Amino acid sequence: MALINIRGDVGVHVPTASQLTGRESEVVRLLVRGFSTKQIAGALGVSFHTASTHLKHIYKKLGVHKRTELVAQVLTGGVGDNRLRSAANPFCGPTF
């Protein structure tokens, strides 16, 4: 785990994006692009419940509580995987 200072809590251990599974990284990329949970499920060919479960696991691993917090971390560099950040850039090619 990477040692990252978030919300002013010095010494809080937060997993980096590299500790997400491949599927979880796909979910994050879609989430950053503005997909709803229902749209994520459709894009990945899984049920709404499965997409929701992936999101819960991602939130727990990255220490966030809602999608806006997750997207903000990805866009501001709080999540240590440039591939996730580039997914939000409309000038980048597809990353998945």
PDB file of N, CA and C in Angstrom:
ATOM      1  N   MET A   1       0.840  -1.183   0.000  1.00  0.00           N
ATOM      2  CA  MET A   1       0.000   0.000   0.000  1.00  0.00           C
ATOM      3  C   MET A   1       0.882   1.241   0.000  1.00  0.00           C
ATOM      4  N   ALA A   2       0.375   2.255  -0.671  1.00  0.00           N
ATOM      5  CA  ALA A   2       1.080   3.523  -0.714  1.00  0.00           C
ATOM      6  C   ALA A   2       0.673   4.358   0.490  1.00  0.00           C
ATOM      7  N   LEU A   3       1.605   5.158   0.957  1.00  0.00           N
ATOM      8  CA  LEU A   3       1.315   6.060   2.063  1.00  0.00           C
ATOM      9  C   LEU A   3       0.926   7.399   1.456  1.00  0.00           C
ATOM     10  N   ILE A   4      -0.339   7.753   1.578  1.00  0.00           N
ATOM     11  CA  ILE A   4      -0.851   8.965   0.958  1.00  0.00           C
ATOM     12  C   ILE A   4      -1.524   9.813   2.024  1.00  0.00           C
ATOM     13  N   ASN A   5      -1.318  11.103   1.947  1.00  0.00           N
ATOM     14  CA  ASN A   5      -1.966  12.012   2.878  1.00  0.00           C
ATOM     15  C   ASN A   5      -3.271  12.484   2.245  1.00  0.00           C
ATOM     16  N   ILE A   6      -4.391  12.020   2.781  1.00  0.00           N
ATOM     17  CA  ILE A   6      -5.687  12.459   2.284  1.00  0.00           C
ATOM     18  C   ILE A   6      -6.488  13.066   3.423  1.00  0.00           C
ATOM     19  N   ARG A   7      -7.265  14.072   3.096  1.00  0.00           N
ATOM     20  CA  ARG A   7      -8.122  14.732   4.086  1.00  0.00           C
ATOM     21  C   ARG A   7      -7.344  15.173   5.316  1.00  0.00           C
ATOM     22  N   GLY A   8      -6.048  15.455   5.163  1.00  0.00           N
ATOM     23  CA  GLY A   8      -5.258  15.927   6.285  1.00  0.00           C
ATOM     24  C   GLY A   8      -4.855  14.850   7.274  1.00  0.00           C
ATOM     25  N   ASP A   9      -5.173  13.589   6.990  1.00  0.00           N
ATOM     26  CA  ASP A   9      -4.815  12.506   7.899  1.00  0.00           C
ATOM     27  C   ASP A   9      -3.419  11.995   7.550  1.00  0.00           C
ATOM     28  N   VAL A  10      -2.423  12.428   8.269  1.00  0.00           N
ATOM     29  CA  VAL A  10      -1.059  12.012   7.988  1.00  0.00           C
ATOM     30  C   VAL A  10      -0.913  10.539   8.322  1.00  0.00           C
ATOM     31  N   GLY A  11      -0.309   9.786   7.403  1.00  0.00           N
ATOM     32  CA  GLY A  11      -0.042   8.378   7.659  1.00  0.00           C
ATOM     33  C   GLY A  11      -1.180   7.436   7.350  1.00  0.00           C
ATOM     34  N   VAL A  12      -2.183   7.888   6.623  1.00  0.00           N
ATOM     35  CA  VAL A  12      -3.288   7.009   6.248  1.00  0.00           C
ATOM     36  C   VAL A  12      -2.832   6.137   5.084  1.00  0.00           C
ATOM     37  N   HIS A  13      -2.989   4.830   5.215  1.00  0.00           N
ATOM     38  CA  HIS A  13      -2.609   3.915   4.150  1.00  0.00           C
ATOM     39  C   HIS A  13      -3.786   3.720   3.206  1.00  0.00           C
ATOM     40  N   VAL A  14      -3.589   4.081   1.946  1.00  0.00           N
ATOM     41  CA  VAL A  14      -4.635   3.944   0.940  1.00  0.00           C
ATOM     42  C   VAL A  14      -4.061   3.147  -0.223  1.00  0.00           C
ATOM     43  N   PRO A  15      -4.750   2.106  -0.667  1.00  0.00           N
ATOM     44  CA  PRO A  15      -4.251   1.345  -1.804  1.00  0.00           C
ATOM     45  C   PRO A  15      -4.192   2.217  -3.050  1.00  0.00           C
ATOM     46  N   THR A  16      -3.242   1.946  -3.922  1.00  0.00           N
ATOM     47  CA  THR A  16      -3.165   2.659  -5.189  1.00  0.00           C
ATOM     48  C   THR A  16      -4.017   1.931  -6.214  1.00  0.00           C
ATOM     49  N   ALA A  17      -4.229   2.578  -7.346  1.00  0.00           N
ATOM     50  CA  ALA A  17      -5.041   1.974  -8.396  1.00  0.00           C
ATOM     51  C   ALA A  17      -4.431   0.677  -8.894  1.00  0.00           C
ATOM     52  N   SER A  18      -3.127   0.515  -8.761  1.00  0.00           N
ATOM     53  CA  SER A  18      -2.496  -0.722  -9.220  1.00  0.00           C
ATOM     54  C   SER A  18      -2.952  -1.923  -8.398  1.00  0.00           C
ATOM     55  N   GLN A  19      -3.584  -1.686  -7.261  1.00  0.00           N
ATOM     56  CA  GLN A  19      -4.079  -2.774  -6.433  1.00  0.00           C
ATOM     57  C   GLN A  19      -5.530  -3.125  -6.749  1.00  0.00           C
ATOM     58  N   LEU A  20      -6.097  -2.450  -7.735  1.00  0.00           N
ATOM     59  CA  LEU A  20      -7.429  -2.816  -8.192  1.00  0.00           C
ATOM     60  C   LEU A  20      -7.301  -3.975  -9.168  1.00  0.00           C
ATOM     61  N   THR A  21      -8.327  -4.798  -9.224  1.00  0.00           N
ATOM     62  CA  THR A  21      -8.336  -5.867 -10.222  1.00  0.00           C
ATOM     63  C   THR A  21      -8.527  -5.236 -11.599  1.00  0.00           C
ATOM     64  N   GLY A  22      -8.299  -6.000 -12.629  1.00  0.00           N
ATOM     65  CA  GLY A  22      -8.509  -5.500 -13.982  1.00  0.00           C
ATOM     66  C   GLY A  22      -9.934  -5.031 -14.196  1.00  0.00           C
ATOM     67  N   ARG A  23     -10.891  -5.795 -13.711  1.00  0.00           N
ATOM     68  CA  ARG A  23     -12.306  -5.441 -13.861  1.00  0.00           C
ATOM     69  C   ARG A  23     -12.622  -4.167 -13.089  1.00  0.00           C
ATOM     70  N   GLU A  24     -12.069  -4.041 -11.887  1.00  0.00           N
ATOM     71  CA  GLU A  24     -12.299  -2.834 -11.092  1.00  0.00           C
ATOM     72  C   GLU A  24     -11.729  -1.606 -11.797  1.00  0.00           C
ATOM     73  N   SER A  25     -10.584  -1.752 -12.436  1.00  0.00           N
ATOM     74  CA  SER A  25     -10.004  -0.639 -13.196  1.00  0.00           C
ATOM     75  C   SER A  25     -10.908  -0.250 -14.359  1.00  0.00           C
ATOM     76  N   GLU A  26     -11.505  -1.239 -15.016  1.00  0.00           N
ATOM     77  CA  GLU A  26     -12.456  -0.957 -16.100  1.00  0.00           C
ATOM     78  C   GLU A  26     -13.647  -0.171 -15.568  1.00  0.00           C
ATOM     79  N   VAL A  27     -14.152  -0.576 -14.413  1.00  0.00           N
ATOM     80  CA  VAL A  27     -15.300   0.112 -13.802  1.00  0.00           C
ATOM     81  C   VAL A  27     -14.924   1.559 -13.503  1.00  0.00           C
ATOM     82  N   VAL A  28     -13.736   1.785 -12.960  1.00  0.00           N
ATOM     83  CA  VAL A  28     -13.304   3.153 -12.646  1.00  0.00           C
ATOM     84  C   VAL A  28     -13.211   3.981 -13.919  1.00  0.00           C
ATOM     85  N   ARG A  29     -12.651   3.419 -14.966  1.00  0.00           N
ATOM     86  CA  ARG A  29     -12.533   4.162 -16.228  1.00  0.00           C
ATOM     87  C   ARG A  29     -13.911   4.584 -16.753  1.00  0.00           C
ATOM     88  N   LEU A  30     -14.872   3.675 -16.678  1.00  0.00           N
ATOM     89  CA  LEU A  30     -16.221   4.006 -17.133  1.00  0.00           C
ATOM     90  C   LEU A  30     -16.871   5.045 -16.222  1.00  0.00           C
ATOM     91  N   LEU A  31     -16.652   4.910 -14.936  1.00  0.00           N
ATOM     92  CA  LEU A  31     -17.216   5.851 -13.970  1.00  0.00           C
ATOM     93  C   LEU A  31     -16.679   7.253 -14.220  1.00  0.00           C
ATOM     94  N   VAL A  32     -15.384   7.363 -14.467  1.00  0.00           N
ATOM     95  CA  VAL A  32     -14.764   8.659 -14.714  1.00  0.00           C
ATOM     96  C   VAL A  32     -15.305   9.282 -16.001  1.00  0.00           C
ATOM     97  N   ARG A  33     -15.700   8.449 -16.934  1.00  0.00           N
ATOM     98  CA  ARG A  33     -16.256   8.949 -18.199  1.00  0.00           C
ATOM     99  C   ARG A  33     -17.723   9.340 -18.061  1.00  0.00           C
ATOM    100  N   GLY A  34     -18.288   9.185 -16.860  1.00  0.00           N
ATOM    101  CA  GLY A  34     -19.652   9.638 -16.606  1.00  0.00           C
ATOM    102  C   GLY A  34     -20.721   8.573 -16.695  1.00  0.00           C
ATOM    103  N   PHE A  35     -20.327   7.301 -16.790  1.00  0.00           N
ATOM    104  CA  PHE A  35     -21.301   6.223 -16.879  1.00  0.00           C
ATOM    105  C   PHE A  35     -22.004   6.042 -15.533  1.00  0.00           C
ATOM    106  N   SER A  36     -23.296   5.773 -15.573  1.00  0.00           N
ATOM    107  CA  SER A  36     -24.047   5.420 -14.371  1.00  0.00           C
ATOM    108  C   SER A  36     -23.755   3.950 -14.051  1.00  0.00           C
ATOM    109  N   THR A  37     -24.183   3.507 -12.898  1.00  0.00           N
ATOM    110  CA  THR A  37     -23.989   2.102 -12.534  1.00  0.00           C
ATOM    111  C   THR A  37     -24.700   1.195 -13.532  1.00  0.00           C
ATOM    112  N   LYS A  38     -25.896   1.581 -13.952  1.00  0.00           N
ATOM    113  CA  LYS A  38     -26.645   0.793 -14.936  1.00  0.00           C
ATOM    114  C   LYS A  38     -25.890   0.735 -16.267  1.00  0.00           C
ATOM    115  N   GLN A  39     -25.328   1.850 -16.697  1.00  0.00           N
ATOM    116  CA  GLN A  39     -24.569   1.883 -17.944  1.00  0.00           C
ATOM    117  C   GLN A  39     -23.283   1.064 -17.841  1.00  0.00           C
ATOM    118  N   ILE A  40     -22.637   1.106 -16.689  1.00  0.00           N
ATOM    119  CA  ILE A  40     -21.431   0.304 -16.465  1.00  0.00           C
ATOM    120  C   ILE A  40     -21.777  -1.174 -16.598  1.00  0.00           C
ATOM    121  N   ALA A  41     -22.883  -1.563 -15.977  1.00  0.00           N
ATOM    122  CA  ALA A  41     -23.317  -2.965 -16.055  1.00  0.00           C
ATOM    123  C   ALA A  41     -23.538  -3.371 -17.504  1.00  0.00           C
ATOM    124  N   GLY A  42     -24.208  -2.536 -18.269  1.00  0.00           N
ATOM    125  CA  GLY A  42     -24.473  -2.844 -19.670  1.00  0.00           C
ATOM    126  C   GLY A  42     -23.196  -2.926 -20.497  1.00  0.00           C
ATOM    127  N   ALA A  43     -22.279  -1.987 -20.268  1.00  0.00           N
ATOM    128  CA  ALA A  43     -21.028  -1.959 -21.028  1.00  0.00           C
ATOM    129  C   ALA A  43     -20.166  -3.184 -20.746  1.00  0.00           C
ATOM    130  N   LEU A  44     -20.226  -3.663 -19.520  1.00  0.00           N
ATOM    131  CA  LEU A  44     -19.404  -4.811 -19.134  1.00  0.00           C
ATOM    132  C   LEU A  44     -20.134  -6.140 -19.282  1.00  0.00           C
ATOM    133  N   GLY A  45     -21.427  -6.095 -19.572  1.00  0.00           N
ATOM    134  CA  GLY A  45     -22.200  -7.322 -19.717  1.00  0.00           C
ATOM    135  C   GLY A  45     -22.404  -8.061 -18.413  1.00  0.00           C
ATOM    136  N   VAL A  46     -22.602  -7.287 -17.339  1.00  0.00           N
ATOM    137  CA  VAL A  46     -22.840  -7.876 -16.020  1.00  0.00           C
ATOM    138  C   VAL A  46     -24.144  -7.306 -15.471  1.00  0.00           C
ATOM    139  N   SER A  47     -24.610  -7.866 -14.375  1.00  0.00           N
ATOM    140  CA  SER A  47     -25.842  -7.361 -13.768  1.00  0.00           C
ATOM    141  C   SER A  47     -25.570  -6.053 -13.020  1.00  0.00           C
ATOM    142  N   PHE A  48     -26.649  -5.318 -12.765  1.00  0.00           N
ATOM    143  CA  PHE A  48     -26.557  -4.087 -11.978  1.00  0.00           C
ATOM    144  C   PHE A  48     -25.945  -4.390 -10.611  1.00  0.00           C
ATOM    145  N   HIS A  49     -26.380  -5.508 -10.005  1.00  0.00           N
ATOM    146  CA  HIS A  49     -25.868  -5.899  -8.694  1.00  0.00           C
ATOM    147  C   HIS A  49     -24.351  -6.130  -8.733  1.00  0.00           C
ATOM    148  N   THR A  50     -23.870  -6.793  -9.780  1.00  0.00           N
ATOM    149  CA  THR A  50     -22.436  -7.047  -9.904  1.00  0.00           C
ATOM    150  C   THR A  50     -21.664  -5.741 -10.061  1.00  0.00           C
ATOM    151  N   ALA A  51     -22.181  -4.823 -10.885  1.00  0.00           N
ATOM    152  CA  ALA A  51     -21.526  -3.526 -11.059  1.00  0.00           C
ATOM    153  C   ALA A  51     -21.495  -2.767  -9.731  1.00  0.00           C
ATOM    154  N   SER A  52     -22.589  -2.815  -8.989  1.00  0.00           N
ATOM    155  CA  SER A  52     -22.644  -2.158  -7.672  1.00  0.00           C
ATOM    156  C   SER A  52     -21.632  -2.760  -6.715  1.00  0.00           C
ATOM    157  N   THR A  53     -21.492  -4.077  -6.751  1.00  0.00           N
ATOM    158  CA  THR A  53     -20.531  -4.757  -5.880  1.00  0.00           C
ATOM    159  C   THR A  53     -19.107  -4.339  -6.233  1.00  0.00           C
ATOM    160  N   HIS A  54     -18.800  -4.252  -7.524  1.00  0.00           N
ATOM    161  CA  HIS A  54     -17.474  -3.775  -7.939  1.00  0.00           C
ATOM    162  C   HIS A  54     -17.215  -2.377  -7.381  1.00  0.00           C
ATOM    163  N   LEU A  55     -18.213  -1.508  -7.481  1.00  0.00           N
ATOM    164  CA  LEU A  55     -18.059  -0.150  -6.974  1.00  0.00           C
ATOM    165  C   LEU A  55     -17.807  -0.138  -5.468  1.00  0.00           C
ATOM    166  N   LYS A  56     -18.526  -0.957  -4.731  1.00  0.00           N
ATOM    167  CA  LYS A  56     -18.318  -1.031  -3.279  1.00  0.00           C
ATOM    168  C   LYS A  56     -16.900  -1.459  -2.954  1.00  0.00           C
ATOM    169  N   HIS A  57     -16.383  -2.450  -3.685  1.00  0.00           N
ATOM    170  CA  HIS A  57     -15.017  -2.921  -3.450  1.00  0.00           C
ATOM    171  C   HIS A  57     -13.998  -1.827  -3.781  1.00  0.00           C
ATOM    172  N   ILE A  58     -14.240  -1.111  -4.868  1.00  0.00           N
ATOM    173  CA  ILE A  58     -13.341  -0.020  -5.266  1.00  0.00           C
ATOM    174  C   ILE A  58     -13.335   1.071  -4.205  1.00  0.00           C
ATOM    175  N   TYR A  59     -14.512   1.470  -3.740  1.00  0.00           N
ATOM    176  CA  TYR A  59     -14.607   2.503  -2.713  1.00  0.00           C
ATOM    177  C   TYR A  59     -13.817   2.095  -1.474  1.00  0.00           C
ATOM    178  N   LYS A  60     -13.974   0.861  -1.070  1.00  0.00           N
ATOM    179  CA  LYS A  60     -13.277   0.385   0.126  1.00  0.00           C
ATOM    180  C   LYS A  60     -11.767   0.394  -0.081  1.00  0.00           C
ATOM    181  N   LYS A  61     -11.308  -0.116  -1.231  1.00  0.00           N
ATOM    182  CA  LYS A  61      -9.868  -0.176  -1.503  1.00  0.00           C
ATOM    183  C   LYS A  61      -9.231   1.209  -1.586  1.00  0.00           C
ATOM    184  N   LEU A  62      -9.967   2.164  -2.137  1.00  0.00           N
ATOM    185  CA  LEU A  62      -9.409   3.502  -2.338  1.00  0.00           C
ATOM    186  C   LEU A  62      -9.774   4.483  -1.232  1.00  0.00           C
ATOM    187  N   GLY A  63     -10.535   4.031  -0.266  1.00  0.00           N
ATOM    188  CA  GLY A  63     -10.849   4.866   0.886  1.00  0.00           C
ATOM    189  C   GLY A  63     -11.776   6.031   0.579  1.00  0.00           C
ATOM    190  N   VAL A  64     -12.731   5.809  -0.324  1.00  0.00           N
ATOM    191  CA  VAL A  64     -13.705   6.849  -0.651  1.00  0.00           C
ATOM    192  C   VAL A  64     -15.097   6.346  -0.283  1.00  0.00           C
ATOM    193  N   HIS A  65     -16.067   7.275  -0.274  1.00  0.00           N
ATOM    194  CA  HIS A  65     -17.417   6.906   0.135  1.00  0.00           C
ATOM    195  C   HIS A  65     -18.469   7.112  -0.944  1.00  0.00           C
ATOM    196  N   LYS A  66     -18.116   7.833  -2.010  1.00  0.00           N
ATOM    197  CA  LYS A  66     -19.076   8.058  -3.086  1.00  0.00           C
ATOM    198  C   LYS A  66     -18.342   8.301  -4.395  1.00  0.00           C
ATOM    199  N   ARG A  67     -19.085   8.190  -5.477  1.00  0.00           N
ATOM    200  CA  ARG A  67     -18.473   8.257  -6.814  1.00  0.00           C
ATOM    201  C   ARG A  67     -17.821   9.594  -7.096  1.00  0.00           C
ATOM    202  N   THR A  68     -18.395  10.689  -6.612  1.00  0.00           N
ATOM    203  CA  THR A  68     -17.777  11.989  -6.872  1.00  0.00           C
ATOM    204  C   THR A  68     -16.413  12.095  -6.209  1.00  0.00           C
ATOM    205  N   GLU A  69     -16.286  11.520  -5.032  1.00  0.00           N
ATOM    206  CA  GLU A  69     -15.005  11.514  -4.329  1.00  0.00           C
ATOM    207  C   GLU A  69     -13.981  10.673  -5.100  1.00  0.00           C
ATOM    208  N   LEU A  70     -14.408   9.544  -5.625  1.00  0.00           N
ATOM    209  CA  LEU A  70     -13.532   8.689  -6.409  1.00  0.00           C
ATOM    210  C   LEU A  70     -13.067   9.403  -7.672  1.00  0.00           C
ATOM    211  N   VAL A  71     -13.999  10.006  -8.398  1.00  0.00           N
ATOM    212  CA  VAL A  71     -13.651  10.713  -9.633  1.00  0.00           C
ATOM    213  C   VAL A  71     -12.697  11.864  -9.331  1.00  0.00           C
ATOM    214  N   ALA A  72     -12.955  12.594  -8.262  1.00  0.00           N
ATOM    215  CA  ALA A  72     -12.064  13.699  -7.885  1.00  0.00           C
ATOM    216  C   ALA A  72     -10.653  13.188  -7.607  1.00  0.00           C
ATOM    217  N   GLN A  73     -10.538  12.057  -6.917  1.00  0.00           N
ATOM    218  CA  GLN A  73      -9.209  11.495  -6.633  1.00  0.00           C
ATOM    219  C   GLN A  73      -8.513  11.099  -7.921  1.00  0.00           C
ATOM    220  N   VAL A  74      -9.227  10.492  -8.841  1.00  0.00           N
ATOM    221  CA  VAL A  74      -8.623  10.076 -10.110  1.00  0.00           C
ATOM    222  C   VAL A  74      -8.148  11.298 -10.889  1.00  0.00           C
ATOM    223  N   LEU A  75      -8.992  12.311 -10.972  1.00  0.00           N
ATOM    224  CA  LEU A  75      -8.667  13.482 -11.779  1.00  0.00           C
ATOM    225  C   LEU A  75      -7.575  14.353 -11.172  1.00  0.00           C
ATOM    226  N   THR A  76      -7.455  14.363  -9.861  1.00  0.00           N
ATOM    227  CA  THR A  76      -6.448  15.199  -9.210  1.00  0.00           C
ATOM    228  C   THR A  76      -5.166  14.447  -8.900  1.00  0.00           C
ATOM    229  N   GLY A  77      -5.114  13.189  -9.261  1.00  0.00           N
ATOM    230  CA  GLY A  77      -3.892  12.430  -9.036  1.00  0.00           C
ATOM    231  C   GLY A  77      -3.837  11.721  -7.705  1.00  0.00           C
ATOM    232  N   GLY A  78      -4.935  11.688  -6.961  1.00  0.00           N
ATOM    233  CA  GLY A  78      -4.950  10.996  -5.691  1.00  0.00           C
ATOM    234  C   GLY A  78      -4.938   9.487  -5.826  1.00  0.00           C
ATOM    235  N   VAL A  79      -5.223   8.997  -7.030  1.00  0.00           N
ATOM    236  CA  VAL A  79      -5.143   7.574  -7.328  1.00  0.00           C
ATOM    237  C   VAL A  79      -3.957   7.420  -8.259  1.00  0.00           C
ATOM    238  N   GLY A  80      -3.041   6.543  -7.899  1.00  0.00           N
ATOM    239  CA  GLY A  80      -1.752   6.492  -8.569  1.00  0.00           C
ATOM    240  C   GLY A  80      -1.659   5.736  -9.869  1.00  0.00           C
ATOM    241  N   ASP A  81      -2.596   5.860 -10.773  1.00  0.00           N
ATOM    242  CA  ASP A  81      -2.508   5.162 -12.050  1.00  0.00           C
ATOM    243  C   ASP A  81      -2.869   6.137 -13.162  1.00  0.00           C
ATOM    244  N   ASN A  82      -1.884   6.549 -13.953  1.00  0.00           N
ATOM    245  CA  ASN A  82      -2.112   7.525 -15.014  1.00  0.00           C
ATOM    246  C   ASN A  82      -3.101   7.036 -16.056  1.00  0.00           C
ATOM    247  N   ARG A  83      -3.216   5.710 -16.239  1.00  0.00           N
ATOM    248  CA  ARG A  83      -4.157   5.184 -17.213  1.00  0.00           C
ATOM    249  C   ARG A  83      -5.583   5.545 -16.829  1.00  0.00           C
ATOM    250  N   LEU A  84      -5.875   5.581 -15.524  1.00  0.00           N
ATOM    251  CA  LEU A  84      -7.219   5.948 -15.087  1.00  0.00           C
ATOM    252  C   LEU A  84      -7.480   7.420 -15.349  1.00  0.00           C
ATOM    253  N   ARG A  85      -6.490   8.274 -15.081  1.00  0.00           N
ATOM    254  CA  ARG A  85      -6.656   9.701 -15.323  1.00  0.00           C
ATOM    255  C   ARG A  85      -6.829   9.979 -16.808  1.00  0.00           C
ATOM    256  N   SER A  86      -6.079   9.286 -17.663  1.00  0.00           N
ATOM    257  CA  SER A  86      -6.172   9.546 -19.098  1.00  0.00           C
ATOM    258  C   SER A  86      -7.544   9.156 -19.647  1.00  0.00           C
ATOM    259  N   ALA A  87      -8.247   8.278 -18.969  1.00  0.00           N
ATOM    260  CA  ALA A  87      -9.587   7.878 -19.414  1.00  0.00           C
ATOM    261  C   ALA A  87     -10.554   9.045 -19.356  1.00  0.00           C
ATOM    262  N   ALA A  88     -10.272  10.012 -18.509  1.00  0.00           N
ATOM    263  CA  ALA A  88     -11.156  11.167 -18.367  1.00  0.00           C
ATOM    264  C   ALA A  88     -10.809  12.280 -19.349  1.00  0.00           C
ATOM    265  N   ASN A  89      -9.688  12.163 -20.041  1.00  0.00           N
ATOM    266  CA  ASN A  89      -9.247  13.186 -20.962  1.00  0.00           C
ATOM    267  C   ASN A  89      -9.821  12.909 -22.353  1.00  0.00           C
ATOM    268  N   PRO A  90     -10.679  13.763 -22.859  1.00  0.00           N
ATOM    269  CA  PRO A  90     -11.305  13.491 -24.162  1.00  0.00           C
ATOM    270  C   PRO A  90     -10.317  13.507 -25.321  1.00  0.00           C
ATOM    271  N   PHE A  91      -9.113  14.004 -25.112  1.00  0.00           N
ATOM    272  CA  PHE A  91      -8.119  14.079 -26.173  1.00  0.00           C
ATOM    273  C   PHE A  91      -7.224  12.852 -26.211  1.00  0.00           C
ATOM    274  N   CYS A  92      -7.393  11.957 -25.268  1.00  0.00           N
ATOM    275  CA  CYS A  92      -6.628  10.713 -25.250  1.00  0.00           C
ATOM    276  C   CYS A  92      -7.416   9.646 -26.020  1.00  0.00           C
ATOM    277  N   GLY A  93      -6.709   8.714 -26.592  1.00  0.00           N
ATOM    278  CA  GLY A  93      -7.379   7.604 -27.264  1.00  0.00           C
ATOM    279  C   GLY A  93      -7.960   6.653 -26.235  1.00  0.00           C
ATOM    280  N   PRO A  94      -8.669   5.642 -26.686  1.00  0.00           N
ATOM    281  CA  PRO A  94      -9.233   4.656 -25.759  1.00  0.00           C
ATOM    282  C   PRO A  94      -8.143   3.991 -24.945  1.00  0.00           C
ATOM    283  N   THR A  95      -8.421   3.767 -23.663  1.00  0.00           N
ATOM    284  CA  THR A  95      -7.443   3.139 -22.786  1.00  0.00           C
ATOM    285  C   THR A  95      -7.880   1.764 -22.335  1.00  0.00           C
ATOM    286  N   PHE A  96      -9.031   1.305 -22.835  1.00  0.00           N
ATOM    287  CA  PHE A  96      -9.480  -0.028 -22.453  1.00  0.00           C
ATOM    288  C   PHE A  96     -10.163  -0.702 -23.604  1.00  0.00           C
TER     289      PHE A  96
END
